[in-house]
Amino acid sequence: MALSDRLLRRRQDEGERQSVFGEILDWMLMPLLLIWPLSVILIQGVANSIADDPYDKALAENALAIAGLVSVSGGRVRADISAQARSLLQRDELDIVYFQVLGFRNELVAGEAAIHWVEPPLKIETGKPYFRDDEIHSEPVRIAYLYLKPQPDKEPILVQVAETRNKRNALSSRIISGVTLPQFAVIPLAVLLVWFGLSRGIAPLNRLGRSIRRRLPTDLSPIPTAGVPEEVKPVIHAFNDMMARLEQNLQAQQRFIGDAAHQMRTPLTGLKMQTELALTETDPENMRILLRQIAESTDRAAHLISQLLALARAESSHEKTHAIESVDLEAVAREATQEWLPAAMAKKIDFGFEGTGWPLQVSGNPLLLRELVVNLIDNAVKYTQVGGRITVRTRAAEFAVLEVEDDGPGIPENERDLIFERFYRVLGNEAPGSGLGLAIVREIAELHRGSVQLKPGPGGRGTLAQAVFPRRRFTVSALLAQQPEKFQPTL
C-alpha cells in the first residue's frame, strides 16, 4: 500500500473516531485546567495582600513610635532611643527588624545605614506612614516610612522601619494552602459531574442512534422528532428530507422497472410469434415478408428501449448523471433538425428550421436537452401526414423558447394534458409509438426548471409544442468567442 493511501486511511479513521462527547468534554475541561493555575496566581496575590495588612499596621506603629522619639535641638536632629527600646524593636522569633532616622541633610541620626533612602513625594503628608518593598543584605523586607517636617525651611526628616517577610510569607502560605487544597477535591468532583451531565445530555442521541439501527433497510419513513433535543432537530429534518428524496428515486426506479417489463413483454411476444411463423414458412416470398416484419418489430423494440432509458435518465436526480453546463439550445435544435431531415423527406414533409442566429444559452445537460428536442421532432414527423409541414423554431425573449410546429391532425383540447402521461395514446391514432415521448419531454423540461405545453397550430390546424427554459445571460466577450465571424468586417 502506498504511503499516500495509508495516510488517507489514517485520516479517515481519525475522522471516524471523532466524538461529540469527547469534543464537549475537552472544551469544558481545557479552560478549567488553564484557569486553575491562573487562579492560584491570583490567590497568591490576594493572600500576600491579606498577610501584609496586620503586619503593616504593627510596622506603622513602630515607625510612629520612633518618630515620637525624634526631636530637634540647636538645629540638629536627635533620636532619644534607649538600648531597651532598640532591643524591643529588634526582638522577634522569625523576623529581623531594622530602623533608621535620617536628618535634614539625609545624614544618619540613628539606626541602620543599610536601609535605602527613598525620594520624598511632591506633596508630603507629615506623620503619614507609607509602605514599600525592598531588600536589605539581599533579603526581601517590608518597609514603613514617614516624614517629619519640624522646620518649614529645611528638608524633611525621614523615619524608616524595615522588617523581613518570614511571618508574612508563612501566613500567606497558610492562606494559599487553605484555599487551594480543597480545590484538589473540588476539581475531580467537577470533572465527574461534567462527565455525568454530558452523559445524560447525549442520552437522547444514543437512543436516536439505537432507534435508527433497529430500522429495517426498506424503512424510509421519516424519523419522529418527539423527544429529540432542539439542537439535533435540524439534522433530523435534513435527514428526513434526504430519505424522502431517496424514496422518490427508489419509486422512480421501481416505476421504470415495472414500465420496462410491461412494455417489453408485448414486442418480445410478437417477435417470438413472427420468428416461429418464419421457421415454419417454406415460401421465400412469405418468409421475406415475415423477416421484414421481424426487422420492423426489432426497430420498434429498440426505439422503446431507447425511450425507456431516456425516461430513466430524466427521472434520475443524481448530480453526476446531470452535470449542469452552459448549453446552446439553438445549436442543439439545429443539429437535431438536420439529423431528422432524411426521415421527413421520406414522407415528403416540408421540414424547416427558424433560429435567432445567435447562441441561445441555457443551463442544463446537453444529452437530455437533445433527447427533448428529438422526441418533439419524432412526434411531429410520426403524426404528420405525407406532404405536410413541420417547422422547428427557437426564439429569444425573457426566456429561451423552443417550438416544434406541424400541420398534422392535432390533439383534442381535453387530451392535451393527458398526453404527457406515460403510455397514453390518443384514441383513433394508428401511428406507431409507445406513448413515452412526451412523458420524457415533460420530465426533462421540469428537470431544467422549464415547462412544456401543447397548443393548437396557426389557424387551428396541427399542433404547436412549446418548451420554455430560463435563459443564461452571456457577455459580449463570450458571444465574440463563440461566433467571431459575425463581427468580421465585410470587404
Protein backbone atom coordinates (compact mmCIF):
# COMPACT_ATOMS: atom_id res chain seq x y z
CA MET A 1 0.00 0.00 0.00
CA ALA A 2 1.33 3.43 -0.97
CA LEU A 3 2.22 5.94 1.73
CA SER A 4 -0.46 8.36 0.49
CA ASP A 5 -3.11 5.61 0.76
CA ARG A 6 -2.05 4.81 4.31
CA LEU A 7 -2.16 8.49 5.29
CA LEU A 8 -5.59 8.88 3.68
CA ARG A 9 -6.91 5.83 5.53
CA ARG A 10 -5.43 7.11 8.77
CA ARG A 11 -7.17 10.46 8.31
CA GLN A 12 -10.43 8.67 7.58
CA ASP A 13 -10.03 6.53 10.71
CA GLU A 14 -9.28 9.63 12.78
CA GLY A 15 -12.39 11.29 11.32
CA GLU A 16 -14.48 8.25 12.22
CA ARG A 17 -13.20 8.32 15.81
CA GLN A 18 -14.39 11.87 16.43
CA SER A 19 -16.85 12.09 19.30
CA VAL A 20 -19.23 14.89 20.22
CA PHE A 21 -18.98 13.77 23.84
CA GLY A 22 -15.18 13.98 23.73
CA GLU A 23 -15.23 17.36 21.98
CA ILE A 24 -17.57 18.91 24.55
CA LEU A 25 -15.64 17.36 27.43
CA ASP A 26 -12.34 18.67 26.06
CA TRP A 27 -13.68 22.19 25.57
CA MET A 28 -15.13 22.22 29.09
CA LEU A 29 -12.12 20.77 30.89
CA MET A 30 -9.34 22.52 29.00
CA PRO A 31 -10.44 26.02 30.10
CA LEU A 32 -10.82 24.71 33.64
CA LEU A 33 -7.28 23.33 33.64
CA LEU A 34 -5.96 26.58 32.17
CA ILE A 35 -7.86 28.79 34.63
CA TRP A 36 -6.73 26.77 37.65
CA PRO A 37 -3.04 27.89 37.53
CA LEU A 38 -4.20 31.46 36.92
CA SER A 39 -6.47 31.25 39.93
CA VAL A 40 -3.54 30.03 42.05
CA ILE A 41 -1.51 33.08 40.95
CA LEU A 42 -4.40 35.41 41.80
CA ILE A 43 -4.91 33.69 45.14
CA GLN A 44 -1.24 34.18 45.92
CA GLY A 45 -1.52 37.92 45.27
CA VAL A 46 -4.63 38.18 47.41
CA ALA A 47 -3.01 36.13 50.17
CA ASN A 48 0.06 38.38 50.20
CA SER A 49 -2.21 41.43 50.47
CA ILE A 50 -4.17 39.84 53.31
CA ALA A 51 -0.96 38.83 55.11
CA ASP A 52 0.51 42.31 54.77
CA ASP A 53 -2.40 44.16 56.39
CA PRO A 54 -1.95 43.21 60.09
CA TYR A 55 1.84 43.30 59.98
CA ASP A 56 1.82 46.62 58.13
CA LYS A 57 -0.22 48.11 60.96
CA ALA A 58 2.32 46.91 63.54
CA LEU A 59 5.16 48.16 61.39
CA ALA A 60 3.50 51.58 61.05
CA GLU A 61 3.04 51.77 64.86
CA ASN A 62 6.77 51.12 65.31
CA ALA A 63 7.59 53.86 62.80
CA LEU A 64 5.27 56.29 64.61
CA ALA A 65 6.81 55.29 67.96
CA ILE A 66 10.31 56.05 66.68
CA ALA A 67 9.08 59.31 65.15
CA GLY A 68 7.79 60.31 68.60
CA LEU A 69 11.33 60.00 69.95
CA VAL A 70 12.81 62.32 67.31
CA SER A 71 13.48 65.93 68.33
CA VAL A 72 15.36 68.98 67.01
CA SER A 73 17.71 70.89 69.28
CA GLY A 74 20.07 73.65 68.21
CA GLY A 75 19.43 72.93 64.57
CA ARG A 76 20.41 69.27 64.99
CA VAL A 77 18.17 66.21 64.82
CA ARG A 78 18.25 63.85 67.78
CA ALA A 79 16.65 60.40 68.34
CA ASP A 80 16.49 59.51 72.03
CA ILE A 81 16.15 55.76 71.56
CA SER A 82 17.35 53.82 74.56
CA ALA A 83 19.08 50.48 74.36
CA GLN A 84 15.99 48.82 75.84
CA ALA A 85 13.83 50.32 73.10
CA ARG A 86 16.29 49.12 70.50
CA SER A 87 16.12 45.58 71.85
CA LEU A 88 12.34 45.63 71.89
CA LEU A 89 12.28 46.74 68.23
CA GLN A 90 14.67 44.07 67.04
CA ARG A 91 13.33 41.22 69.20
CA ASP A 92 11.33 38.73 67.07
CA GLU A 93 11.31 34.95 66.76
CA LEU A 94 11.01 34.86 62.95
CA ASP A 95 11.91 38.26 61.52
CA ILE A 96 14.62 40.90 61.88
CA VAL A 97 13.50 44.49 62.37
CA TYR A 98 15.66 47.44 61.26
CA PHE A 99 15.06 51.13 61.84
CA GLN A 100 16.61 54.32 60.55
CA VAL A 101 16.38 58.06 61.21
CA LEU A 102 17.85 60.48 58.63
CA GLY A 103 18.33 64.20 59.39
CA PHE A 104 17.84 67.34 57.33
CA ARG A 105 20.77 66.54 55.03
CA ASN A 106 19.96 62.82 54.90
CA GLU A 107 22.67 62.11 57.44
CA LEU A 108 22.22 59.01 59.59
CA VAL A 109 20.95 60.06 63.02
CA ALA A 110 20.14 56.60 64.41
CA GLY A 111 19.61 53.04 63.27
CA GLU A 112 20.89 51.04 60.30
CA ALA A 113 22.51 52.62 57.28
CA ALA A 114 21.58 49.58 55.15
CA ILE A 115 18.03 50.80 54.62
CA HIS A 116 17.91 52.59 51.26
CA TRP A 117 16.95 56.23 51.09
CA VAL A 118 13.71 56.98 49.28
CA GLU A 119 12.88 60.20 47.50
CA PRO A 120 10.06 62.14 49.20
CA PRO A 121 6.79 62.71 47.29
CA LEU A 122 5.94 66.09 45.81
CA LYS A 123 3.32 66.66 48.48
CA ILE A 124 4.44 65.42 51.86
CA GLU A 125 1.83 64.48 54.47
CA THR A 126 3.71 64.80 57.73
CA GLY A 127 3.36 61.82 60.03
CA LYS A 128 1.56 59.62 57.50
CA PRO A 129 3.12 56.13 57.12
CA TYR A 130 3.99 54.91 53.61
CA PHE A 131 4.88 51.35 52.68
CA ARG A 132 7.18 49.76 50.12
CA ASP A 133 9.04 46.53 49.41
CA ASP A 134 12.84 46.47 49.24
CA GLU A 135 15.88 44.37 50.10
CA ILE A 136 18.43 44.57 52.90
CA HIS A 137 21.52 42.40 52.62
CA SER A 138 19.84 40.62 49.63
CA GLU A 139 16.85 39.66 51.78
CA PRO A 140 13.31 40.91 50.95
CA VAL A 141 11.88 43.32 53.52
CA ARG A 142 8.75 45.34 54.07
CA ILE A 143 9.39 48.97 54.96
CA ALA A 144 7.13 51.52 56.68
CA TYR A 145 8.42 55.09 56.41
CA LEU A 146 7.19 58.58 57.20
CA TYR A 147 8.37 62.17 57.03
CA LEU A 148 8.66 64.77 59.77
CA LYS A 149 8.97 68.48 58.99
CA PRO A 150 9.61 70.31 62.25
CA GLN A 151 11.16 73.33 60.44
CA PRO A 152 9.43 74.57 57.25
CA ASP A 153 12.61 75.99 55.75
CA LYS A 154 14.52 72.69 55.91
CA GLU A 155 14.23 69.29 54.28
CA PRO A 156 12.01 66.69 56.00
CA ILE A 157 13.30 64.12 58.44
CA LEU A 158 12.92 60.51 57.22
CA VAL A 159 11.99 57.73 59.66
CA GLN A 160 12.02 54.14 58.33
CA VAL A 161 11.31 50.78 59.91
CA ALA A 162 12.02 47.58 57.89
CA GLU A 163 11.04 44.00 58.67
CA THR A 164 11.90 40.76 56.90
CA ARG A 165 8.95 38.85 55.40
CA ASN A 166 9.13 35.48 57.15
CA LYS A 167 5.92 35.86 59.21
CA ARG A 168 4.11 37.35 56.23
CA ASN A 169 5.21 34.52 53.92
CA ALA A 170 4.17 31.93 56.48
CA LEU A 171 0.70 33.48 56.81
CA SER A 172 0.35 33.81 53.03
CA SER A 173 1.32 30.13 52.59
CA ARG A 174 -1.30 29.05 55.12
CA ILE A 175 -3.95 31.10 53.29
CA ILE A 176 -2.96 29.68 49.89
CA SER A 177 -2.89 26.10 51.14
CA GLY A 178 -6.21 26.60 52.90
CA VAL A 179 -7.80 27.76 49.62
CA THR A 180 -6.06 25.53 47.05
CA LEU A 181 -6.03 22.22 48.90
CA PRO A 182 -9.85 21.88 48.75
CA GLN A 183 -9.61 22.50 45.00
CA PHE A 184 -7.80 19.18 44.59
CA ALA A 185 -11.02 17.54 45.75
CA VAL A 186 -13.41 20.00 44.07
CA ILE A 187 -11.89 19.78 40.57
CA PRO A 188 -12.08 15.97 40.26
CA LEU A 189 -15.63 16.18 41.61
CA ALA A 190 -16.42 18.85 38.99
CA VAL A 191 -14.97 16.61 36.27
CA LEU A 192 -17.17 13.72 37.42
CA LEU A 193 -20.24 15.98 37.48
CA VAL A 194 -19.44 17.27 33.99
CA TRP A 195 -18.99 13.71 32.77
CA PHE A 196 -22.31 12.69 34.32
CA GLY A 197 -24.09 15.76 32.94
CA LEU A 198 -22.76 15.18 29.41
CA SER A 199 -23.70 11.51 29.58
CA ARG A 200 -27.24 12.49 30.50
CA GLY A 201 -27.23 15.22 27.84
CA ILE A 202 -26.27 12.95 24.94
CA ALA A 203 -28.52 10.10 26.08
CA PRO A 204 -31.24 11.19 23.58
CA LEU A 205 -28.65 10.96 20.79
CA ASN A 206 -27.76 7.43 21.83
CA ARG A 207 -31.44 6.48 21.91
CA LEU A 208 -31.90 8.02 18.48
CA GLY A 209 -28.91 6.08 17.14
CA ARG A 210 -30.29 2.79 18.51
CA SER A 211 -33.70 3.57 17.02
CA ILE A 212 -32.16 4.17 13.58
CA ARG A 213 -30.04 1.00 13.80
CA ARG A 214 -33.16 -1.07 14.60
CA ARG A 215 -34.88 0.07 11.39
CA LEU A 216 -35.29 -2.31 8.50
CA PRO A 217 -33.29 -1.48 5.34
CA THR A 218 -36.57 -0.89 3.49
CA ASP A 219 -37.97 1.52 6.10
CA LEU A 220 -37.60 5.01 4.63
CA SER A 221 -40.30 6.65 6.74
CA PRO A 222 -39.44 9.97 8.48
CA ILE A 223 -37.73 9.81 11.85
CA PRO A 224 -40.01 11.26 14.55
CA THR A 225 -38.64 14.36 16.27
CA ALA A 226 -40.52 13.83 19.55
CA GLY A 227 -38.06 13.75 22.44
CA VAL A 228 -35.17 14.88 20.24
CA PRO A 229 -33.12 17.85 21.52
CA GLU A 230 -33.74 21.14 19.74
CA GLU A 231 -30.10 21.28 18.57
CA VAL A 232 -30.45 17.93 16.79
CA LYS A 233 -33.82 18.60 15.12
CA PRO A 234 -32.29 20.44 12.10
CA VAL A 235 -30.13 17.37 11.47
CA ILE A 236 -33.18 15.08 11.71
CA HIS A 237 -35.17 17.32 9.34
CA ALA A 238 -32.32 17.29 6.82
CA PHE A 239 -32.02 13.51 7.20
CA ASN A 240 -35.77 13.09 6.64
CA ASP A 241 -35.55 15.26 3.52
CA MET A 242 -32.73 13.08 2.23
CA MET A 243 -34.79 9.94 2.97
CA ALA A 244 -37.73 11.45 1.06
CA ARG A 245 -35.52 12.13 -1.96
CA LEU A 246 -34.12 8.62 -1.73
CA GLU A 247 -37.63 7.18 -1.61
CA GLN A 248 -38.56 9.21 -4.69
CA ASN A 249 -35.55 7.83 -6.54
CA LEU A 250 -36.40 4.29 -5.49
CA GLN A 251 -40.00 4.76 -6.59
CA ALA A 252 -38.78 6.12 -9.92
CA GLN A 253 -36.58 3.04 -10.35
CA GLN A 254 -39.46 0.75 -9.45
CA ARG A 255 -41.74 2.54 -11.91
CA PHE A 256 -39.09 2.27 -14.58
CA ILE A 257 -38.61 -1.45 -13.96
CA GLY A 258 -42.36 -2.05 -13.99
CA ASP A 259 -42.86 0.04 -17.13
CA ALA A 260 -39.95 -1.61 -18.91
CA ALA A 261 -41.16 -5.12 -18.04
CA HIS A 262 -44.72 -4.29 -19.11
CA GLN A 263 -43.81 -2.59 -22.36
CA MET A 264 -41.12 -5.04 -23.45
CA ARG A 265 -43.36 -8.06 -23.00
CA THR A 266 -45.58 -7.19 -26.00
CA PRO A 267 -42.86 -6.64 -28.66
CA LEU A 268 -40.89 -9.65 -27.46
CA THR A 269 -44.01 -11.84 -27.68
CA GLY A 270 -44.66 -10.53 -31.19
CA LEU A 271 -41.06 -11.18 -32.23
CA LYS A 272 -41.27 -14.72 -30.91
CA MET A 273 -44.51 -15.41 -32.81
CA GLN A 274 -43.16 -13.92 -36.04
CA THR A 275 -39.95 -15.93 -35.68
CA GLU A 276 -41.91 -19.16 -35.13
CA LEU A 277 -44.02 -18.43 -38.25
CA ALA A 278 -40.88 -17.71 -40.26
CA LEU A 279 -39.39 -21.04 -39.18
CA THR A 280 -42.44 -22.94 -40.47
CA GLU A 281 -42.69 -20.96 -43.73
CA THR A 282 -41.34 -22.57 -46.90
CA ASP A 283 -42.38 -19.94 -49.44
CA PRO A 284 -39.42 -17.50 -49.93
CA GLU A 285 -41.72 -14.52 -50.59
CA ASN A 286 -43.75 -15.11 -47.44
CA MET A 287 -40.55 -15.67 -45.48
CA ARG A 288 -39.19 -12.32 -46.76
CA ILE A 289 -42.41 -10.61 -45.60
CA LEU A 290 -42.11 -12.19 -42.16
CA LEU A 291 -38.44 -11.22 -41.88
CA ARG A 292 -39.34 -7.62 -42.83
CA GLN A 293 -41.95 -7.64 -40.06
CA ILE A 294 -39.38 -9.03 -37.63
CA ALA A 295 -36.97 -6.21 -38.57
CA GLU A 296 -39.69 -3.60 -38.05
CA SER A 297 -40.63 -5.12 -34.71
CA THR A 298 -36.97 -5.12 -33.73
CA ASP A 299 -36.69 -1.43 -34.64
CA ARG A 300 -39.77 -0.64 -32.56
CA ALA A 301 -38.37 -2.64 -29.61
CA ALA A 302 -35.02 -0.83 -29.90
CA HIS A 303 -36.81 2.53 -30.03
CA LEU A 304 -38.87 1.58 -26.97
CA ILE A 305 -35.75 0.57 -25.07
CA SER A 306 -34.09 3.86 -26.05
CA GLN A 307 -37.08 5.82 -24.79
CA LEU A 308 -37.24 3.86 -21.54
CA LEU A 309 -33.56 4.57 -20.92
CA ALA A 310 -34.11 8.25 -21.71
CA LEU A 311 -37.02 8.33 -19.25
CA ALA A 312 -34.82 6.70 -16.60
CA ARG A 313 -32.12 9.33 -17.16
CA ALA A 314 -34.68 12.13 -16.99
CA GLU A 315 -36.14 10.82 -13.72
CA SER A 316 -32.74 10.38 -12.13
CA SER A 317 -31.67 13.24 -9.88
CA HIS A 318 -28.07 12.22 -9.28
CA GLU A 319 -25.67 15.11 -9.67
CA LYS A 320 -23.09 13.07 -11.62
CA THR A 321 -25.75 11.94 -14.09
CA HIS A 322 -26.92 15.51 -14.65
CA ALA A 323 -23.75 17.54 -14.92
CA ILE A 324 -25.00 21.09 -15.43
CA GLU A 325 -23.24 23.25 -18.00
CA SER A 326 -23.97 26.03 -20.46
CA VAL A 327 -25.84 24.64 -23.49
CA ASP A 328 -26.64 26.43 -26.76
CA LEU A 329 -30.27 25.38 -27.23
CA GLU A 330 -30.35 26.77 -30.77
CA ALA A 331 -27.34 24.69 -31.82
CA VAL A 332 -28.90 21.55 -30.29
CA ALA A 333 -32.19 22.18 -32.12
CA ARG A 334 -30.43 22.87 -35.43
CA GLU A 335 -28.36 19.65 -35.23
CA ALA A 336 -31.44 17.56 -34.33
CA THR A 337 -33.35 19.09 -37.29
CA GLN A 338 -30.55 18.15 -39.66
CA GLU A 339 -30.50 14.56 -38.35
CA TRP A 340 -34.25 14.17 -38.87
CA LEU A 341 -34.22 15.68 -42.34
CA PRO A 342 -33.96 12.27 -44.15
CA ALA A 343 -36.95 10.86 -42.21
CA ALA A 344 -39.01 13.97 -43.04
CA MET A 345 -38.01 13.84 -46.73
CA ALA A 346 -39.08 10.19 -46.85
CA LYS A 347 -42.62 11.39 -46.05
CA LYS A 348 -42.25 14.40 -48.39
CA ILE A 349 -42.66 16.77 -45.44
CA ASP A 350 -41.73 20.43 -45.80
CA PHE A 351 -39.20 20.40 -42.93
CA GLY A 352 -37.54 23.65 -41.88
CA PHE A 353 -35.66 25.42 -39.05
CA GLU A 354 -36.04 29.02 -37.91
CA GLY A 355 -33.44 30.34 -35.45
CA THR A 356 -32.34 33.61 -33.89
CA GLY A 357 -28.88 33.48 -35.44
CA TRP A 358 -27.31 33.86 -32.00
CA PRO A 359 -26.37 31.40 -29.25
CA LEU A 360 -29.39 30.74 -27.03
CA GLN A 361 -27.73 29.73 -23.78
CA VAL A 362 -29.47 27.72 -21.06
CA SER A 363 -28.11 25.83 -18.05
CA GLY A 364 -28.60 22.11 -18.35
CA ASN A 365 -27.44 18.73 -19.54
CA PRO A 366 -26.76 18.65 -23.30
CA LEU A 367 -27.67 14.95 -23.70
CA LEU A 368 -31.06 15.36 -22.02
CA LEU A 369 -31.87 18.58 -23.88
CA ARG A 370 -31.08 16.86 -27.17
CA GLU A 371 -33.36 14.00 -26.12
CA LEU A 372 -36.16 16.52 -25.52
CA VAL A 373 -35.76 18.09 -28.98
CA VAL A 374 -35.52 14.69 -30.67
CA ASN A 375 -38.72 13.45 -29.03
CA LEU A 376 -40.67 16.56 -30.07
CA ILE A 377 -39.45 16.22 -33.68
CA ASP A 378 -40.09 12.47 -33.63
CA ASN A 379 -43.71 13.04 -32.56
CA ALA A 380 -44.20 15.69 -35.24
CA VAL A 381 -42.74 13.55 -38.03
CA LYS A 382 -44.63 10.48 -36.86
CA TYR A 383 -48.07 12.09 -36.73
CA THR A 384 -47.80 14.48 -39.72
CA GLN A 385 -49.32 13.18 -42.93
CA VAL A 386 -47.38 12.74 -46.15
CA GLY A 387 -46.73 16.10 -47.79
CA GLY A 388 -47.27 18.02 -44.54
CA ARG A 389 -45.21 20.78 -42.99
CA ILE A 390 -43.04 20.91 -39.82
CA THR A 391 -41.08 23.90 -38.51
CA VAL A 392 -38.57 23.75 -35.67
CA ARG A 393 -38.14 27.20 -34.19
CA THR A 394 -36.13 28.91 -31.43
CA ARG A 395 -36.96 32.32 -30.00
CA ALA A 396 -35.05 34.53 -27.60
CA ALA A 397 -37.15 36.54 -25.15
CA GLU A 398 -37.03 36.80 -21.39
CA PHE A 399 -36.86 33.00 -21.58
CA ALA A 400 -35.39 30.62 -24.14
CA VAL A 401 -38.26 29.19 -26.24
CA LEU A 402 -38.19 26.06 -28.40
CA GLU A 403 -41.17 25.33 -30.68
CA VAL A 404 -42.00 22.42 -32.98
CA GLU A 405 -44.98 23.27 -35.19
CA ASP A 406 -46.78 20.83 -37.52
CA ASP A 407 -49.97 20.78 -39.57
CA GLY A 408 -50.95 17.25 -38.58
CA PRO A 409 -54.29 16.05 -37.19
CA GLY A 410 -53.76 17.94 -33.90
CA ILE A 411 -54.72 16.92 -30.36
CA PRO A 412 -58.16 17.44 -28.82
CA GLU A 413 -58.15 20.08 -26.10
CA ASN A 414 -59.37 17.67 -23.43
CA GLU A 415 -56.38 15.37 -24.09
CA ARG A 416 -53.53 17.93 -24.19
CA ASP A 417 -52.67 17.36 -20.53
CA LEU A 418 -53.29 13.61 -20.55
CA ILE A 419 -50.92 13.07 -23.44
CA PHE A 420 -47.97 13.84 -21.16
CA GLU A 421 -48.80 10.76 -19.07
CA ARG A 422 -46.79 7.64 -19.71
CA PHE A 423 -48.06 5.24 -22.37
CA TYR A 424 -51.08 7.44 -23.10
CA ARG A 425 -52.17 7.29 -26.74
CA VAL A 426 -54.77 9.48 -28.42
CA LEU A 427 -57.78 7.38 -29.37
CA GLY A 428 -58.11 6.63 -33.06
CA ASN A 429 -54.42 7.30 -33.75
CA GLU A 430 -52.88 4.47 -35.75
CA ALA A 431 -49.30 5.81 -35.85
CA PRO A 432 -46.75 3.50 -34.21
CA GLY A 433 -45.42 4.57 -30.83
CA SER A 434 -45.07 3.71 -27.16
CA GLY A 435 -46.63 6.79 -25.59
CA LEU A 436 -43.40 7.71 -23.80
CA GLY A 437 -42.10 10.57 -25.96
CA LEU A 438 -43.98 13.46 -24.37
CA ALA A 439 -43.59 11.98 -20.88
CA ILE A 440 -39.82 12.12 -21.46
CA VAL A 441 -40.14 15.70 -22.72
CA ARG A 442 -42.01 16.80 -19.58
CA GLU A 443 -39.52 15.09 -17.22
CA ILE A 444 -36.55 16.76 -18.94
CA ALA A 445 -38.23 20.18 -19.02
CA GLU A 446 -39.07 20.06 -15.30
CA LEU A 447 -35.55 18.90 -14.50
CA HIS A 448 -34.24 22.06 -16.22
CA ARG A 449 -36.72 24.33 -14.35
CA GLY A 450 -38.70 24.75 -17.56
CA SER A 451 -42.16 23.88 -18.81
CA VAL A 452 -43.72 22.35 -21.90
CA GLN A 453 -47.24 22.69 -23.30
CA LEU A 454 -49.19 21.80 -26.42
CA LYS A 455 -51.18 24.41 -28.31
CA PRO A 456 -53.20 24.34 -31.50
CA GLY A 457 -51.26 25.32 -34.62
CA PRO A 458 -51.86 28.53 -36.60
CA GLY A 459 -55.37 28.61 -37.96
CA GLY A 460 -56.44 25.89 -35.51
CA ARG A 461 -54.77 23.14 -37.56
CA GLY A 462 -51.97 20.91 -36.32
CA THR A 463 -50.06 21.18 -33.05
CA LEU A 464 -47.56 23.64 -31.61
CA ALA A 465 -45.32 22.03 -28.96
CA GLN A 466 -43.63 24.78 -26.94
CA ALA A 467 -40.83 24.28 -24.36
CA VAL A 468 -39.68 27.26 -22.27
CA PHE A 469 -36.43 27.43 -20.24
CA PRO A 470 -34.69 30.10 -18.13
CA ARG A 471 -32.03 31.85 -20.17
CA ARG A 472 -28.40 32.02 -19.21
CA ARG A 473 -27.14 35.55 -19.90
CA PHE A 474 -23.92 35.91 -21.86
CA THR A 475 -21.49 38.79 -22.06
CA VAL A 476 -20.41 40.31 -25.36
CA SER A 477 -16.92 38.86 -24.97
CA ALA A 478 -18.39 35.37 -24.62
CA LEU A 479 -20.52 35.87 -27.74
CA LEU A 480 -17.46 37.05 -29.66
CA ALA A 481 -15.58 33.96 -28.54
CA GLN A 482 -18.37 31.68 -29.77
CA GLN A 483 -19.24 33.42 -33.07
CA PRO A 484 -16.41 35.79 -34.06
CA GLU A 485 -17.40 35.69 -37.75
CA LYS A 486 -20.48 37.83 -37.00
CA PHE A 487 -18.25 40.74 -36.14
CA GLN A 488 -15.73 40.46 -39.01
CA PRO A 489 -15.70 43.49 -41.30
CA THR A 490 -17.14 42.99 -44.77
CA LEU A 491 -14.70 43.79 -47.57
